[in-house]
Amino acid sequence: MKIRLLEDKDIPQVLEICREMREHHRRILGGYFKPIDEDYERSSLAKALDDENSPVYVAETEDGKIAGMVQAAFEVRPYLEQESFCHIGGLGVLPGYRRRGIAKALMDRVFEACRARKITEVTLGVFNRNTGAYKFYEDLGFLPLEQKMKLDLDRE
C-alpha cells in the first residue's frame, strides 16, 4: 500500500469513495445528506490538486486501485492560542479494504505533514451515530472537544 497525494487520474476512483462515504452517512443518519453531487465533488477534488493547504492523500494498492482517501486542510484561527491547525474534512476506505490499517496509514500521513509544518492540533467532526468511526478516532487519541447540536423545527 502506498500513501501519496491525489493526482488528477485518481479523481474517478476517489469519487467512488466519496459516494460510498455519502451513502454510509445517509444510512446511519436516516437521510440528512443529499445524494452525492459528483460534479461538485469532482470540482472540489480538482481544486485540491493545486492547493498545498488542502491536500488529499490516497491509499493506492499494488495493482493501482485507490482504496482510501483523506482530505486535510491546514488552517489558521488567529483568535485562539493554537493558531495553526489541521482539519480533517473526510476519511474513507472502500468496504472491501477496511480493517487492514489503511485509515490509520492515511491519518499517519496527515500527522507527518502536520509535524513538517509544526502543527500540533488536528480537528475533525464525527457523527455520534457513526460509532465505528468514533471508536477509530478515539483509538488514535482524539478526544471530544465540543458537542454540535441541531433542532428540526418542522418536527414539532
N, C-alpha and C. Protein backbone atom coordinates (compact mmCIF):
# COMPACT_ATOMS: atom_id res chain seq x y z
N MET A 1 0.86 -1.18 0.00
CA MET A 1 0.00 0.00 0.00
C MET A 1 0.89 1.23 0.00
N LYS A 2 0.59 2.15 -0.88
CA LYS A 2 1.34 3.39 -0.99
C LYS A 2 0.41 4.56 -0.65
N ILE A 3 0.85 5.42 0.25
CA ILE A 3 0.09 6.62 0.59
C ILE A 3 0.76 7.78 -0.13
N ARG A 4 -0.02 8.51 -0.93
CA ARG A 4 0.53 9.61 -1.72
C ARG A 4 -0.53 10.67 -1.94
N LEU A 5 -0.08 11.80 -2.49
CA LEU A 5 -1.01 12.87 -2.82
C LEU A 5 -1.91 12.47 -3.99
N LEU A 6 -3.10 13.00 -3.97
CA LEU A 6 -4.06 12.82 -5.05
C LEU A 6 -3.47 13.32 -6.37
N GLU A 7 -3.72 12.59 -7.44
CA GLU A 7 -3.38 13.02 -8.79
C GLU A 7 -4.67 13.10 -9.60
N ASP A 8 -4.65 13.86 -10.67
CA ASP A 8 -5.83 14.06 -11.50
C ASP A 8 -6.43 12.72 -11.94
N LYS A 9 -5.59 11.77 -12.31
CA LYS A 9 -6.07 10.47 -12.79
C LYS A 9 -6.81 9.68 -11.71
N ASP A 10 -6.64 10.04 -10.44
CA ASP A 10 -7.28 9.33 -9.32
C ASP A 10 -8.71 9.76 -9.08
N ILE A 11 -9.09 10.91 -9.60
CA ILE A 11 -10.38 11.51 -9.23
C ILE A 11 -11.56 10.56 -9.46
N PRO A 12 -11.66 9.85 -10.59
CA PRO A 12 -12.82 8.94 -10.73
C PRO A 12 -12.89 7.88 -9.63
N GLN A 13 -11.75 7.34 -9.23
CA GLN A 13 -11.76 6.33 -8.16
C GLN A 13 -12.07 6.97 -6.80
N VAL A 14 -11.57 8.17 -6.58
CA VAL A 14 -11.84 8.84 -5.30
C VAL A 14 -13.32 9.22 -5.22
N LEU A 15 -13.93 9.54 -6.35
CA LEU A 15 -15.37 9.81 -6.35
C LEU A 15 -16.15 8.58 -5.88
N GLU A 16 -15.67 7.40 -6.21
CA GLU A 16 -16.30 6.16 -5.75
C GLU A 16 -16.26 6.10 -4.21
N ILE A 17 -15.14 6.50 -3.63
CA ILE A 17 -15.01 6.52 -2.17
C ILE A 17 -15.93 7.58 -1.58
N CYS A 18 -15.97 8.76 -2.19
CA CYS A 18 -16.85 9.84 -1.73
C CYS A 18 -18.30 9.39 -1.77
N ARG A 19 -18.68 8.69 -2.84
CA ARG A 19 -20.05 8.20 -2.98
C ARG A 19 -20.36 7.21 -1.85
N GLU A 20 -19.44 6.30 -1.58
CA GLU A 20 -19.63 5.32 -0.50
C GLU A 20 -19.75 6.03 0.85
N MET A 21 -18.89 7.02 1.09
CA MET A 21 -18.94 7.78 2.35
C MET A 21 -20.30 8.47 2.49
N ARG A 22 -20.75 9.11 1.43
CA ARG A 22 -22.03 9.83 1.48
C ARG A 22 -23.18 8.87 1.77
N GLU A 23 -23.21 7.74 1.08
CA GLU A 23 -24.29 6.78 1.30
C GLU A 23 -24.23 6.18 2.69
N HIS A 24 -23.05 5.96 3.21
CA HIS A 24 -22.89 5.46 4.58
C HIS A 24 -23.51 6.46 5.55
N HIS A 25 -23.19 7.73 5.39
CA HIS A 25 -23.74 8.76 6.28
C HIS A 25 -25.25 8.90 6.09
N ARG A 26 -25.73 8.77 4.88
CA ARG A 26 -27.18 8.83 4.65
C ARG A 26 -27.87 7.68 5.37
N ARG A 27 -27.27 6.49 5.35
CA ARG A 27 -27.87 5.33 6.02
C ARG A 27 -27.90 5.52 7.53
N ILE A 28 -26.76 5.89 8.12
CA ILE A 28 -26.73 5.94 9.59
C ILE A 28 -27.47 7.15 10.15
N LEU A 29 -27.65 8.19 9.33
CA LEU A 29 -28.33 9.39 9.80
C LEU A 29 -29.78 9.48 9.33
N GLY A 30 -30.25 8.46 8.62
CA GLY A 30 -31.63 8.49 8.15
C GLY A 30 -31.90 9.61 7.18
N GLY A 31 -30.99 9.80 6.25
CA GLY A 31 -31.09 10.91 5.30
C GLY A 31 -30.06 11.95 5.65
N TYR A 32 -30.49 13.12 6.02
CA TYR A 32 -29.67 14.28 6.40
C TYR A 32 -28.91 14.83 5.21
N PHE A 33 -28.04 14.03 4.61
CA PHE A 33 -27.30 14.46 3.42
C PHE A 33 -28.10 14.12 2.17
N LYS A 34 -27.94 14.95 1.15
CA LYS A 34 -28.46 14.63 -0.17
C LYS A 34 -27.55 13.58 -0.80
N PRO A 35 -28.04 12.89 -1.82
CA PRO A 35 -27.12 12.01 -2.58
C PRO A 35 -25.97 12.84 -3.13
N ILE A 36 -24.87 12.20 -3.40
CA ILE A 36 -23.67 12.89 -3.84
C ILE A 36 -23.91 13.66 -5.14
N ASP A 37 -23.37 14.85 -5.22
CA ASP A 37 -23.35 15.66 -6.44
C ASP A 37 -21.94 15.49 -7.01
N GLU A 38 -21.80 14.59 -7.97
CA GLU A 38 -20.46 14.24 -8.46
C GLU A 38 -19.74 15.41 -9.12
N ASP A 39 -20.46 16.31 -9.75
CA ASP A 39 -19.81 17.47 -10.35
C ASP A 39 -19.19 18.36 -9.27
N TYR A 40 -19.93 18.56 -8.18
CA TYR A 40 -19.42 19.36 -7.07
C TYR A 40 -18.19 18.68 -6.45
N GLU A 41 -18.29 17.39 -6.18
CA GLU A 41 -17.17 16.66 -5.57
C GLU A 41 -15.95 16.65 -6.50
N ARG A 42 -16.18 16.45 -7.79
CA ARG A 42 -15.08 16.44 -8.77
C ARG A 42 -14.38 17.79 -8.77
N SER A 43 -15.16 18.87 -8.74
CA SER A 43 -14.61 20.22 -8.72
C SER A 43 -13.79 20.46 -7.45
N SER A 44 -14.31 20.01 -6.31
CA SER A 44 -13.57 20.17 -5.05
C SER A 44 -12.26 19.42 -5.08
N LEU A 45 -12.29 18.21 -5.58
CA LEU A 45 -11.06 17.42 -5.66
C LEU A 45 -10.06 18.05 -6.62
N ALA A 46 -10.54 18.57 -7.74
CA ALA A 46 -9.66 19.21 -8.71
C ALA A 46 -8.98 20.44 -8.11
N LYS A 47 -9.71 21.21 -7.30
CA LYS A 47 -9.13 22.38 -6.64
C LYS A 47 -8.02 21.96 -5.67
N ALA A 48 -8.21 20.83 -5.01
CA ALA A 48 -7.21 20.35 -4.04
C ALA A 48 -5.89 20.00 -4.71
N LEU A 49 -5.92 19.67 -5.98
CA LEU A 49 -4.69 19.32 -6.70
C LEU A 49 -3.66 20.44 -6.68
N ASP A 50 -4.15 21.68 -6.67
CA ASP A 50 -3.26 22.84 -6.74
C ASP A 50 -3.19 23.63 -5.44
N ASP A 51 -3.74 23.09 -4.36
CA ASP A 51 -3.79 23.82 -3.10
C ASP A 51 -2.96 23.09 -2.05
N GLU A 52 -1.78 23.59 -1.77
CA GLU A 52 -0.91 22.92 -0.81
C GLU A 52 -1.45 22.97 0.61
N ASN A 53 -2.44 23.83 0.87
CA ASN A 53 -3.05 23.90 2.19
C ASN A 53 -4.27 23.00 2.34
N SER A 54 -4.64 22.31 1.28
CA SER A 54 -5.79 21.40 1.32
C SER A 54 -5.45 20.08 0.63
N PRO A 55 -4.46 19.37 1.13
CA PRO A 55 -4.06 18.14 0.45
C PRO A 55 -5.09 17.02 0.61
N VAL A 56 -5.17 16.20 -0.41
CA VAL A 56 -5.93 14.95 -0.36
C VAL A 56 -4.90 13.84 -0.55
N TYR A 57 -4.85 12.94 0.40
CA TYR A 57 -3.95 11.79 0.30
C TYR A 57 -4.77 10.56 -0.05
N VAL A 58 -4.19 9.71 -0.87
CA VAL A 58 -4.87 8.47 -1.26
C VAL A 58 -4.02 7.28 -0.89
N ALA A 59 -4.70 6.15 -0.68
CA ALA A 59 -4.04 4.87 -0.44
C ALA A 59 -4.18 4.05 -1.70
N GLU A 60 -3.04 3.79 -2.34
CA GLU A 60 -3.03 3.06 -3.61
C GLU A 60 -2.50 1.65 -3.39
N THR A 61 -3.25 0.66 -3.87
CA THR A 61 -2.82 -0.73 -3.75
C THR A 61 -1.73 -1.02 -4.78
N GLU A 62 -1.11 -2.17 -4.65
CA GLU A 62 -0.05 -2.57 -5.58
C GLU A 62 -0.54 -2.64 -7.02
N ASP A 63 -1.84 -2.94 -7.21
CA ASP A 63 -2.38 -3.02 -8.58
C ASP A 63 -3.02 -1.71 -9.05
N GLY A 64 -2.77 -0.61 -8.33
CA GLY A 64 -3.22 0.71 -8.78
C GLY A 64 -4.61 1.12 -8.35
N LYS A 65 -5.27 0.32 -7.54
CA LYS A 65 -6.61 0.66 -7.05
C LYS A 65 -6.50 1.67 -5.91
N ILE A 66 -7.32 2.72 -5.94
CA ILE A 66 -7.37 3.68 -4.84
C ILE A 66 -8.38 3.12 -3.83
N ALA A 67 -7.86 2.69 -2.68
CA ALA A 67 -8.68 2.01 -1.68
C ALA A 67 -9.18 2.95 -0.59
N GLY A 68 -8.53 4.10 -0.43
CA GLY A 68 -8.94 5.02 0.62
C GLY A 68 -8.43 6.42 0.35
N MET A 69 -9.01 7.37 1.07
CA MET A 69 -8.59 8.77 0.92
C MET A 69 -8.86 9.55 2.18
N VAL A 70 -8.09 10.63 2.35
CA VAL A 70 -8.32 11.55 3.45
C VAL A 70 -8.12 12.97 2.93
N GLN A 71 -9.03 13.86 3.31
CA GLN A 71 -8.94 15.27 2.95
C GLN A 71 -8.51 16.05 4.18
N ALA A 72 -7.46 16.82 4.04
CA ALA A 72 -6.96 17.64 5.15
C ALA A 72 -7.01 19.11 4.73
N ALA A 73 -7.03 19.97 5.71
CA ALA A 73 -6.97 21.41 5.45
C ALA A 73 -6.13 22.05 6.55
N PHE A 74 -5.07 22.72 6.13
CA PHE A 74 -4.22 23.45 7.07
C PHE A 74 -4.77 24.86 7.17
N GLU A 75 -5.17 25.24 8.38
CA GLU A 75 -5.88 26.50 8.57
C GLU A 75 -5.28 27.29 9.72
N VAL A 76 -5.74 28.54 9.84
CA VAL A 76 -5.29 29.43 10.91
C VAL A 76 -6.51 30.05 11.57
N ARG A 77 -6.49 30.09 12.92
CA ARG A 77 -7.52 30.76 13.72
C ARG A 77 -6.79 31.77 14.60
N PRO A 78 -6.67 32.99 14.14
CA PRO A 78 -5.88 33.97 14.89
C PRO A 78 -6.44 34.33 16.26
N TYR A 79 -7.64 33.91 16.56
CA TYR A 79 -8.28 34.23 17.84
C TYR A 79 -8.02 33.18 18.92
N LEU A 80 -7.30 32.11 18.59
CA LEU A 80 -7.00 31.07 19.57
C LEU A 80 -5.51 30.99 19.88
N GLU A 81 -5.19 30.49 21.04
CA GLU A 81 -3.78 30.31 21.42
C GLU A 81 -3.05 29.46 20.39
N GLN A 82 -3.67 28.35 19.99
CA GLN A 82 -3.09 27.45 18.99
C GLN A 82 -3.63 27.90 17.63
N GLU A 83 -2.94 28.84 16.99
CA GLU A 83 -3.47 29.44 15.76
C GLU A 83 -3.52 28.46 14.59
N SER A 84 -2.45 27.77 14.33
CA SER A 84 -2.38 26.86 13.18
C SER A 84 -2.90 25.49 13.57
N PHE A 85 -3.71 24.92 12.70
CA PHE A 85 -4.23 23.59 12.96
C PHE A 85 -4.54 22.90 11.64
N CYS A 86 -4.83 21.62 11.73
CA CYS A 86 -5.23 20.84 10.57
C CYS A 86 -6.63 20.31 10.84
N HIS A 87 -7.50 20.44 9.87
CA HIS A 87 -8.85 19.89 10.00
C HIS A 87 -9.02 18.78 8.98
N ILE A 88 -9.50 17.64 9.45
CA ILE A 88 -9.79 16.51 8.56
C ILE A 88 -11.21 16.68 8.06
N GLY A 89 -11.34 16.85 6.75
CA GLY A 89 -12.66 17.05 6.17
C GLY A 89 -13.36 15.76 5.80
N GLY A 90 -12.61 14.71 5.62
CA GLY A 90 -13.21 13.42 5.28
C GLY A 90 -12.16 12.34 5.23
N LEU A 91 -12.54 11.16 5.65
CA LEU A 91 -11.68 9.98 5.62
C LEU A 91 -12.55 8.82 5.20
N GLY A 92 -12.14 8.10 4.19
CA GLY A 92 -12.93 6.96 3.74
C GLY A 92 -12.08 5.86 3.17
N VAL A 93 -12.50 4.64 3.42
CA VAL A 93 -11.86 3.45 2.87
C VAL A 93 -12.98 2.59 2.27
N LEU A 94 -12.76 2.08 1.07
CA LEU A 94 -13.76 1.23 0.44
C LEU A 94 -14.03 0.00 1.30
N PRO A 95 -15.28 -0.46 1.34
CA PRO A 95 -15.64 -1.58 2.22
C PRO A 95 -14.74 -2.81 2.10
N GLY A 96 -14.36 -3.21 0.93
CA GLY A 96 -13.54 -4.40 0.76
C GLY A 96 -12.11 -4.26 1.27
N TYR A 97 -11.72 -3.06 1.65
CA TYR A 97 -10.35 -2.79 2.10
C TYR A 97 -10.27 -2.38 3.57
N ARG A 98 -11.39 -2.40 4.25
CA ARG A 98 -11.41 -1.97 5.65
C ARG A 98 -10.75 -2.99 6.56
N ARG A 99 -10.34 -2.51 7.72
CA ARG A 99 -9.70 -3.33 8.76
C ARG A 99 -8.35 -3.89 8.32
N ARG A 100 -7.67 -3.13 7.47
CA ARG A 100 -6.33 -3.51 7.01
C ARG A 100 -5.28 -2.46 7.36
N GLY A 101 -5.67 -1.46 8.16
CA GLY A 101 -4.73 -0.42 8.57
C GLY A 101 -4.62 0.75 7.59
N ILE A 102 -5.48 0.78 6.59
CA ILE A 102 -5.41 1.84 5.58
C ILE A 102 -5.79 3.20 6.17
N ALA A 103 -6.88 3.25 6.92
CA ALA A 103 -7.30 4.53 7.51
C ALA A 103 -6.22 5.06 8.45
N LYS A 104 -5.61 4.19 9.22
CA LYS A 104 -4.53 4.62 10.12
C LYS A 104 -3.34 5.12 9.32
N ALA A 105 -2.98 4.43 8.25
CA ALA A 105 -1.86 4.87 7.42
C ALA A 105 -2.14 6.24 6.80
N LEU A 106 -3.37 6.47 6.37
CA LEU A 106 -3.75 7.78 5.83
C LEU A 106 -3.64 8.86 6.89
N MET A 107 -4.15 8.57 8.08
CA MET A 107 -4.06 9.56 9.16
C MET A 107 -2.61 9.80 9.56
N ASP A 108 -1.80 8.75 9.59
CA ASP A 108 -0.37 8.92 9.91
C ASP A 108 0.30 9.84 8.91
N ARG A 109 -0.11 9.76 7.63
CA ARG A 109 0.46 10.64 6.61
C ARG A 109 0.07 12.09 6.88
N VAL A 110 -1.15 12.31 7.30
CA VAL A 110 -1.59 13.67 7.66
C VAL A 110 -0.78 14.16 8.86
N PHE A 111 -0.61 13.30 9.87
CA PHE A 111 0.15 13.70 11.06
C PHE A 111 1.59 14.07 10.68
N GLU A 112 2.16 13.33 9.75
CA GLU A 112 3.52 13.62 9.27
C GLU A 112 3.57 15.00 8.62
N ALA A 113 2.57 15.30 7.79
CA ALA A 113 2.50 16.62 7.14
C ALA A 113 2.33 17.72 8.18
N CYS A 114 1.56 17.45 9.22
CA CYS A 114 1.38 18.43 10.29
C CYS A 114 2.70 18.70 11.00
N ARG A 115 3.41 17.65 11.34
CA ARG A 115 4.69 17.83 12.04
C ARG A 115 5.67 18.63 11.18
N ALA A 116 5.66 18.39 9.87
CA ALA A 116 6.55 19.14 8.97
C ALA A 116 6.22 20.63 8.97
N ARG A 117 4.96 20.96 9.24
CA ARG A 117 4.52 22.35 9.30
C ARG A 117 4.51 22.90 10.73
N LYS A 118 4.97 22.10 11.68
CA LYS A 118 4.98 22.49 13.10
C LYS A 118 3.55 22.68 13.64
N ILE A 119 2.60 21.95 13.07
CA ILE A 119 1.21 21.98 13.52
C ILE A 119 1.03 20.85 14.52
N THR A 120 0.46 21.19 15.67
CA THR A 120 0.29 20.19 16.72
C THR A 120 -1.17 19.87 17.03
N GLU A 121 -2.10 20.54 16.38
CA GLU A 121 -3.52 20.28 16.64
C GLU A 121 -4.22 19.81 15.38
N VAL A 122 -4.95 18.71 15.50
CA VAL A 122 -5.74 18.16 14.40
C VAL A 122 -7.18 18.05 14.89
N THR A 123 -8.10 18.58 14.10
CA THR A 123 -9.52 18.52 14.46
C THR A 123 -10.28 17.75 13.39
N LEU A 124 -11.45 17.29 13.76
CA LEU A 124 -12.35 16.63 12.81
C LEU A 124 -13.73 16.58 13.41
N GLY A 125 -14.69 16.29 12.59
CA GLY A 125 -16.06 16.08 13.05
C GLY A 125 -16.43 14.63 12.80
N VAL A 126 -17.16 14.05 13.73
CA VAL A 126 -17.65 12.68 13.56
C VAL A 126 -19.07 12.64 14.12
N PHE A 127 -19.97 12.05 13.37
CA PHE A 127 -21.36 11.96 13.83
C PHE A 127 -21.46 10.94 14.95
N ASN A 128 -22.27 11.28 15.96
CA ASN A 128 -22.43 10.40 17.11
C ASN A 128 -22.88 9.00 16.72
N ARG A 129 -23.70 8.90 15.70
CA ARG A 129 -24.21 7.59 15.27
C ARG A 129 -23.17 6.78 14.49
N ASN A 130 -22.09 7.41 14.11
CA ASN A 130 -21.03 6.72 13.35
C ASN A 130 -20.07 6.08 14.36
N THR A 131 -20.55 5.08 15.06
CA THR A 131 -19.83 4.51 16.19
C THR A 131 -18.48 3.90 15.81
N GLY A 132 -18.41 3.29 14.63
CA GLY A 132 -17.13 2.71 14.20
C GLY A 132 -16.08 3.78 14.00
N ALA A 133 -16.45 4.86 13.33
CA ALA A 133 -15.51 5.96 13.11
C ALA A 133 -15.15 6.62 14.44
N TYR A 134 -16.14 6.79 15.29
CA TYR A 134 -15.89 7.43 16.59
C TYR A 134 -14.84 6.64 17.37
N LYS A 135 -15.00 5.33 17.40
CA LYS A 135 -14.04 4.48 18.13
C LYS A 135 -12.66 4.54 17.47
N PHE A 136 -12.62 4.53 16.14
CA PHE A 136 -11.35 4.63 15.42
C PHE A 136 -10.60 5.90 15.83
N TYR A 137 -11.30 7.02 15.83
CA TYR A 137 -10.65 8.29 16.20
C TYR A 137 -10.23 8.30 17.66
N GLU A 138 -11.06 7.75 18.54
CA GLU A 138 -10.66 7.64 19.94
C GLU A 138 -9.39 6.80 20.08
N ASP A 139 -9.33 5.71 19.35
CA ASP A 139 -8.15 4.84 19.40
C ASP A 139 -6.89 5.56 18.93
N LEU A 140 -7.05 6.54 18.03
CA LEU A 140 -5.91 7.34 17.58
C LEU A 140 -5.52 8.40 18.61
N GLY A 141 -6.37 8.61 19.61
CA GLY A 141 -6.07 9.60 20.65
C GLY A 141 -6.92 10.85 20.61
N PHE A 142 -7.86 10.94 19.66
CA PHE A 142 -8.73 12.11 19.59
C PHE A 142 -9.66 12.12 20.81
N LEU A 143 -9.93 13.31 21.31
CA LEU A 143 -10.82 13.50 22.45
C LEU A 143 -11.94 14.45 22.05
N PRO A 144 -13.15 14.24 22.59
CA PRO A 144 -14.24 15.18 22.29
C PRO A 144 -13.86 16.59 22.73
N LEU A 145 -14.20 17.56 21.91
CA LEU A 145 -13.88 18.96 22.21
C LEU A 145 -15.16 19.77 22.44
N GLU A 146 -16.15 19.54 21.61
CA GLU A 146 -17.40 20.27 21.74
C GLU A 146 -18.52 19.39 21.21
N GLN A 147 -19.73 19.73 21.56
CA GLN A 147 -20.89 19.00 21.07
C GLN A 147 -21.66 19.92 20.15
N LYS A 148 -21.87 19.51 18.92
CA LYS A 148 -22.67 20.26 17.97
C LYS A 148 -24.10 19.76 18.10
N MET A 149 -25.06 20.67 18.13
CA MET A 149 -26.45 20.29 18.31
C MET A 149 -27.30 20.84 17.17
N LYS A 150 -28.45 20.21 16.94
CA LYS A 150 -29.37 20.72 15.93
C LYS A 150 -30.79 20.50 16.40
N LEU A 151 -31.68 21.31 15.89
CA LEU A 151 -33.10 21.21 16.19
C LEU A 151 -33.85 21.28 14.88
N ASP A 152 -34.73 20.34 14.62
CA ASP A 152 -35.58 20.36 13.44
C ASP A 152 -36.91 20.99 13.81
N LEU A 153 -37.11 22.24 13.46
CA LEU A 153 -38.33 22.95 13.82
C LEU A 153 -39.56 22.37 13.15
N ASP A 154 -39.41 21.76 12.01
CA ASP A 154 -40.57 21.22 11.31
C ASP A 154 -41.00 19.87 11.86
N ARG A 155 -40.37 19.39 12.90
CA ARG A 155 -40.74 18.10 13.50
C ARG A 155 -41.53 18.27 14.80
N GLU A 156 -42.01 19.45 15.05
CA GLU A 156 -42.77 19.68 16.29
C GLU A 156 -44.17 19.18 16.17
